[in-house]
C-alpha atoms as a PDB file:
ATOM      1  CA  MET A   1      22.290  24.703 -30.506  1.00  0.00           C
ATOM      2  CA  ALA A   2      19.723  22.128 -29.877  1.00  0.00           C
ATOM      3  CA  ASP A   3      20.452  18.861 -28.067  1.00  0.00           C
ATOM      4  CA  PHE A   4      19.086  15.722 -29.812  1.00  0.00           C
ATOM      5  CA  ILE A   5      18.016  12.577 -28.014  1.00  0.00           C
ATOM      6  CA  GLU A   6      20.865  10.087 -28.114  1.00  0.00           C
ATOM      7  CA  GLU A   7      22.587   7.850 -25.660  1.00  0.00           C
ATOM      8  CA  SER A   8      23.510   9.476 -22.370  1.00  0.00           C
ATOM      9  CA  LYS A   9      21.106  12.292 -22.847  1.00  0.00           C
ATOM     10  CA  TYR A  10      18.736  13.211 -19.976  1.00  0.00           C
ATOM     11  CA  VAL A  11      15.165  13.527 -21.367  1.00  0.00           C
ATOM     12  CA  GLU A  12      12.046  14.967 -19.885  1.00  0.00           C
ATOM     13  CA  LEU A  13       8.626  14.458 -21.438  1.00  0.00           C
ATOM     14  CA  ILE A  14       4.952  14.750 -20.825  1.00  0.00           C
ATOM     15  CA  TYR A  15       2.491  12.334 -22.329  1.00  0.00           C
ATOM     16  CA  LYS A  16      -1.073  11.115 -22.882  1.00  0.00           C
ATOM     17  CA  VAL A  17      -2.406   7.620 -23.575  1.00  0.00           C
ATOM     18  CA  VAL A  18      -5.327   8.006 -26.142  1.00  0.00           C
ATOM     19  CA  ASP A  19      -7.869   5.506 -27.459  1.00  0.00           C
ATOM     20  CA  ARG A  20      -7.507   5.471 -31.203  1.00  0.00           C
ATOM     21  CA  LYS A  21     -11.157   4.860 -31.989  1.00  0.00           C
ATOM     22  CA  SER A  22     -12.856   7.188 -29.494  1.00  0.00           C
ATOM     23  CA  GLY A  23     -10.192   9.721 -28.737  1.00  0.00           C
ATOM     24  CA  ASN A  24     -10.683   9.278 -25.064  1.00  0.00           C
ATOM     25  CA  VAL A  25      -7.698   9.988 -22.945  1.00  0.00           C
ATOM     26  CA  PHE A  26      -6.862   7.178 -20.569  1.00  0.00           C
ATOM     27  CA  SER A  27      -3.880   8.790 -18.867  1.00  0.00           C
ATOM     28  CA  ASN A  28      -2.696  12.363 -19.047  1.00  0.00           C
ATOM     29  CA  ILE A  29       0.666  13.216 -17.296  1.00  0.00           C
ATOM     30  CA  GLU A  30       1.315  16.906 -17.422  1.00  0.00           C
ATOM     31  CA  TYR A  31       4.323  17.042 -15.235  1.00  0.00           C
ATOM     32  CA  PRO A  32       7.637  16.039 -16.913  1.00  0.00           C
ATOM     33  CA  VAL A  33       8.983  12.562 -16.474  1.00  0.00           C
ATOM     34  CA  GLY A  34      12.669  12.135 -16.795  1.00  0.00           C
ATOM     35  CA  TYR A  35      14.911   9.346 -17.955  1.00  0.00           C
ATOM     36  CA  VAL A  36      18.490   8.785 -19.439  1.00  0.00           C
ATOM     37  CA  HIS A  37      18.332   7.656 -22.980  1.00  0.00           C
ATOM     38  CA  GLY A  38      20.189   4.367 -23.494  1.00  0.00           C
ATOM     39  CA  ALA A  39      20.644   3.759 -19.750  1.00  0.00           C
ATOM     40  CA  ASN A  40      17.736   1.260 -19.690  1.00  0.00           C
ATOM     41  CA  ASP A  41      14.671   0.441 -21.762  1.00  0.00           C
ATOM     42  CA  VAL A  42      11.883   1.112 -19.204  1.00  0.00           C
ATOM     43  CA  LEU A  43       9.908   2.936 -21.837  1.00  0.00           C
ATOM     44  CA  GLY A  44      10.172  -0.076 -24.201  1.00  0.00           C
ATOM     45  CA  LYS A  45      12.538  -0.373 -27.201  1.00  0.00           C
ATOM     46  CA  ASP A  46       9.882   0.718 -29.725  1.00  0.00           C
ATOM     47  CA  VAL A  47       9.231   4.011 -27.857  1.00  0.00           C
ATOM     48  CA  LEU A  48      12.975   4.681 -27.282  1.00  0.00           C
ATOM     49  CA  ASN A  49      13.638   4.050 -31.056  1.00  0.00           C
ATOM     50  CA  GLU A  50      10.984   6.713 -31.954  1.00  0.00           C
ATOM     51  CA  LEU A  51      12.515   9.242 -29.519  1.00  0.00           C
ATOM     52  CA  GLU A  52      16.006   8.773 -30.867  1.00  0.00           C
ATOM     53  CA  GLY A  53      17.176  11.872 -32.756  1.00  0.00           C
ATOM     54  CA  ARG A  54      14.311  14.074 -31.568  1.00  0.00           C
ATOM     55  CA  GLU A  55      14.654  17.376 -29.655  1.00  0.00           C
ATOM     56  CA  ALA A  56      12.841  19.532 -27.128  1.00  0.00           C
ATOM     57  CA  GLY A  57       9.544  20.667 -28.434  1.00  0.00           C
ATOM     58  CA  ASP A  58       8.905  17.656 -30.711  1.00  0.00           C
ATOM     59  CA  ILE A  59       5.693  15.931 -30.325  1.00  0.00           C
ATOM     60  CA  ILE A  60       5.428  12.272 -31.476  1.00  0.00           C
ATOM     61  CA  GLU A  61       2.549   9.868 -31.590  1.00  0.00           C
ATOM     62  CA  ILE A  62       3.295   6.099 -31.194  1.00  0.00           C
ATOM     63  CA  LYS A  63       0.820   3.230 -31.617  1.00  0.00           C
ATOM     64  CA  ILE A  64       1.164   0.994 -28.564  1.00  0.00           C
ATOM     65  CA  ASP A  65       0.820  -2.771 -29.009  1.00  0.00           C
ATOM     66  CA  VAL A  66      -1.216  -3.380 -25.841  1.00  0.00           C
ATOM     67  CA  GLU A  67      -1.549  -7.116 -26.535  1.00  0.00           C
ATOM     68  CA  LYS A  68       2.251  -7.327 -26.615  1.00  0.00           C
ATOM     69  CA  LEU A  69       2.388  -5.622 -23.166  1.00  0.00           C
ATOM     70  CA  TYR A  70      -0.527  -7.320 -21.449  1.00  0.00           C
ATOM     71  CA  GLY A  71      -1.483 -10.244 -23.545  1.00  0.00           C
ATOM     72  CA  PRO A  72      -4.928 -10.643 -25.118  1.00  0.00           C
ATOM     73  CA  ARG A  73      -8.059  -9.823 -23.317  1.00  0.00           C
ATOM     74  CA  ASP A  74      -9.264 -12.753 -21.176  1.00  0.00           C
ATOM     75  CA  GLU A  75     -13.021 -12.873 -20.671  1.00  0.00           C
ATOM     76  CA  SER A  76     -12.594 -15.519 -17.876  1.00  0.00           C
ATOM     77  CA  LEU A  77     -11.177 -12.647 -15.753  1.00  0.00           C
ATOM     78  CA  VAL A  78     -14.494 -10.801 -15.884  1.00  0.00           C
ATOM     79  CA  PHE A  79     -17.069 -11.617 -13.153  1.00  0.00           C
ATOM     80  CA  ILE A  80     -20.624 -10.329 -12.652  1.00  0.00           C
ATOM     81  CA  ASP A  81     -22.305 -10.844  -9.326  1.00  0.00           C
ATOM     82  CA  LYS A  82     -25.592  -9.749  -7.795  1.00  0.00           C
ATOM     83  CA  ILE A  83     -25.212  -6.444  -6.097  1.00  0.00           C
ATOM     84  CA  GLU A  84     -26.440  -7.880  -2.749  1.00  0.00           C
ATOM     85  CA  ASN A  85     -23.531 -10.338  -2.718  1.00  0.00           C
ATOM     86  CA  VAL A  86     -21.014  -7.525  -2.999  1.00  0.00           C
ATOM     87  CA  PRO A  87     -19.852  -5.458  -0.042  1.00  0.00           C
ATOM     88  CA  GLN A  88     -20.857  -1.837  -0.100  1.00  0.00           C
ATOM     89  CA  GLU A  89     -17.187  -0.628  -0.486  1.00  0.00           C
ATOM     90  CA  TYR A  90     -16.891  -2.498  -3.828  1.00  0.00           C
ATOM     91  CA  ARG A  91     -19.975  -1.060  -5.416  1.00  0.00           C
ATOM     92  CA  LYS A  92     -18.159   2.006  -7.055  1.00  0.00           C
ATOM     93  CA  ILE A  93     -16.633   2.017 -10.580  1.00  0.00           C
ATOM     94  CA  GLY A  94     -12.888   2.294 -10.495  1.00  0.00           C
ATOM     95  CA  THR A  95     -12.574   0.481  -7.109  1.00  0.00           C
ATOM     96  CA  LYS A  96      -9.627  -1.886  -6.946  1.00  0.00           C
ATOM     97  CA  VAL A  97     -10.302  -5.384  -5.522  1.00  0.00           C
ATOM     98  CA  THR A  98      -7.518  -7.808  -4.815  1.00  0.00           C
ATOM     99  CA  MET A  99      -8.354 -11.526  -5.096  1.00  0.00           C
ATOM    100  CA  GLU A 100      -6.345 -14.657  -4.919  1.00  0.00           C
ATOM    101  CA  ASN A 101      -6.113 -17.571  -7.403  1.00  0.00           C
ATOM    102  CA  LYS A 102      -6.075 -21.192  -6.398  1.00  0.00           C
ATOM    103  CA  GLU A 103      -2.389 -21.035  -5.539  1.00  0.00           C
ATOM    104  CA  GLY A 104      -2.914 -18.036  -3.244  1.00  0.00           C
ATOM    105  CA  GLN A 105      -1.341 -15.594  -5.644  1.00  0.00           C
ATOM    106  CA  PRO A 106      -2.904 -12.054  -5.546  1.00  0.00           C
ATOM    107  CA  LYS A 107      -4.379 -10.535  -8.546  1.00  0.00           C
ATOM    108  CA  GLU A 108      -5.835  -7.083  -8.849  1.00  0.00           C
ATOM    109  CA  PHE A 109      -9.342  -6.556 -10.407  1.00  0.00           C
ATOM    110  CA  LEU A 110     -11.218  -3.351 -11.021  1.00  0.00           C
ATOM    111  CA  VAL A 111     -14.864  -2.593 -10.657  1.00  0.00           C
ATOM    112  CA  THR A 112     -15.855  -1.665 -14.275  1.00  0.00           C
ATOM    113  CA  LYS A 113     -19.668  -1.583 -14.078  1.00  0.00           C
ATOM    114  CA  VAL A 114     -22.358  -1.137 -11.306  1.00  0.00           C
ATOM    115  CA  ASP A 115     -26.133  -1.144 -12.002  1.00  0.00           C
ATOM    116  CA  ASP A 116     -29.206  -1.582  -9.930  1.00  0.00           C
ATOM    117  CA  THR A 117     -28.823  -5.355  -9.852  1.00  0.00           C
ATOM    118  CA  THR A 118     -25.239  -6.406 -10.551  1.00  0.00           C
ATOM    119  CA  VAL A 119     -21.499  -5.473 -10.127  1.00  0.00           C
ATOM    120  CA  THR A 120     -18.859  -6.324 -12.791  1.00  0.00           C
ATOM    121  CA  ILE A 121     -15.209  -6.687 -11.934  1.00  0.00           C
ATOM    122  CA  ASP A 122     -12.468  -7.214 -14.480  1.00  0.00           C
ATOM    123  CA  GLY A 123      -8.978  -8.636 -13.995  1.00  0.00           C
ATOM    124  CA  ASN A 124      -7.781  -7.495 -17.415  1.00  0.00           C
ATOM    125  CA  ASN A 125      -5.637  -4.353 -17.704  1.00  0.00           C
ATOM    126  CA  PRO A 126      -8.075  -1.500 -18.592  1.00  0.00           C
ATOM    127  CA  LEU A 127      -6.291  -1.088 -21.918  1.00  0.00           C
ATOM    128  CA  CYS A 128      -6.616  -4.746 -23.010  1.00  0.00           C
ATOM    129  CA  GLY A 129      -8.409  -5.082 -26.257  1.00  0.00           C
ATOM    130  CA  ARG A 130      -8.050  -1.313 -27.087  1.00  0.00           C
ATOM    131  CA  ASP A 131      -6.083   0.434 -29.740  1.00  0.00           C
ATOM    132  CA  VAL A 132      -4.067   3.153 -28.101  1.00  0.00           C
ATOM    133  CA  ASN A 133      -1.557   5.774 -29.075  1.00  0.00           C
ATOM    134  CA  PHE A 134       1.071   7.163 -26.781  1.00  0.00           C
ATOM    135  CA  LEU A 135       1.334  10.954 -27.452  1.00  0.00           C
ATOM    136  CA  LEU A 136       4.681  12.254 -26.157  1.00  0.00           C
ATOM    137  CA  GLU A 137       5.884  15.895 -25.967  1.00  0.00           C
ATOM    138  CA  ILE A 138       9.642  16.254 -25.325  1.00  0.00           C
ATOM    139  CA  THR A 139      10.129  19.148 -22.893  1.00  0.00           C
ATOM    140  CA  LEU A 140      13.903  18.931 -22.189  1.00  0.00           C
ATOM    141  CA  VAL A 141      17.036  17.293 -23.700  1.00  0.00           C
ATOM    142  CA  ARG A 142      20.433  17.767 -22.061  1.00  0.00           C
ATOM    143  CA  ASP A 143      23.680  15.942 -21.137  1.00  0.00           C
ATOM    144  CA  ALA A 144      22.826  13.571 -18.145  1.00  0.00           C
ATOM    145  CA  THR A 145      24.816  14.026 -15.030  1.00  0.00           C
ATOM    146  CA  ILE A 146      26.876  11.126 -13.560  1.00  0.00           C
ATOM    147  CA  GLU A 147      24.222  10.646 -10.888  1.00  0.00           C
ATOM    148  CA  GLU A 148      21.393  10.495 -13.415  1.00  0.00           C
ATOM    149  CA  MET A 149      23.431   8.025 -15.497  1.00  0.00           C
ATOM    150  CA  GLU A 150      23.919   5.754 -12.473  1.00  0.00           C
ATOM    151  CA  ALA A 151      20.192   5.952 -11.642  1.00  0.00           C
ATOM    152  CA  GLY A 152      19.069   5.592 -15.276  1.00  0.00           C
ATOM    153  CA  GLY A 153      16.970   8.781 -14.989  1.00  0.00           C
ATOM    154  CA  THR A 154      16.018  11.186 -12.303  1.00  0.00           C
ATOM    155  CA  THR A 155      17.274  10.418  -8.901  1.00  0.00           C
ATOM    156  CA  ASP A 156      13.692  10.228  -7.782  1.00  0.00           C
ATOM    157  CA  THR A 157      11.875   7.682 -10.024  1.00  0.00           C
ATOM    158  CA  GLU A 158      12.068   6.577 -13.551  1.00  0.00           C
ATOM    159  CA  PRO A 159       9.149   6.158 -15.951  1.00  0.00           C
ATOM    160  CA  SER A 160       7.928   2.697 -16.922  1.00  0.00           C
ATOM    161  CA  LEU A 161       5.708   2.185 -19.918  1.00  0.00           C
ATOM    162  CA  GLU A 162       3.783  -0.530 -18.040  1.00  0.00           C
ATOM    163  CA  GLU A 163       3.139   1.789 -15.070  1.00  0.00           C
ATOM    164  CA  ILE A 164       2.187   4.611 -17.398  1.00  0.00           C
ATOM    165  CA  LEU A 165      -0.335   2.539 -19.295  1.00  0.00           C
ATOM    166  CA  SER A 166      -1.650   0.825 -16.153  1.00  0.00           C
ATOM    167  CA  GLN A 167      -2.703   4.262 -14.868  1.00  0.00           C
ATOM    168  CA  GLY A 168      -5.411   4.317 -17.539  1.00  0.00           C
END
């Protein structure tokens, strides 16, 4: 008899975050991530609602509202500088750069483009302005243990939709 996802069930799933237009995969987690359904809403209410009533082996695709998660793309967070003004360690695409605003609060930026004359860094989440789908494959559904219920998932770490999408 199959277990269906409902409150107090321990669920493991693997997932991908895919660009709807290009089909590019931004994030691909191939090891199962576990959580206790109904113990918290770390995956977001929309995702949890889609998982409700599903069982191991089911694959579902959910459109993610990136603007709702991260806000609209802000072009004022994109900076282009002459390559000679940028230290060597920041001249590689994908490099994270931490900067501070006027109030001294840190903000993480990402090097998104490097050419012969310029370096571009972007403070927007890499998914901002994109249409993405969350492709989930449910690998396990069972009753949660008391320990898992108290932790809200595995006793290691629990998934977070924001963390998942920020890996992209």
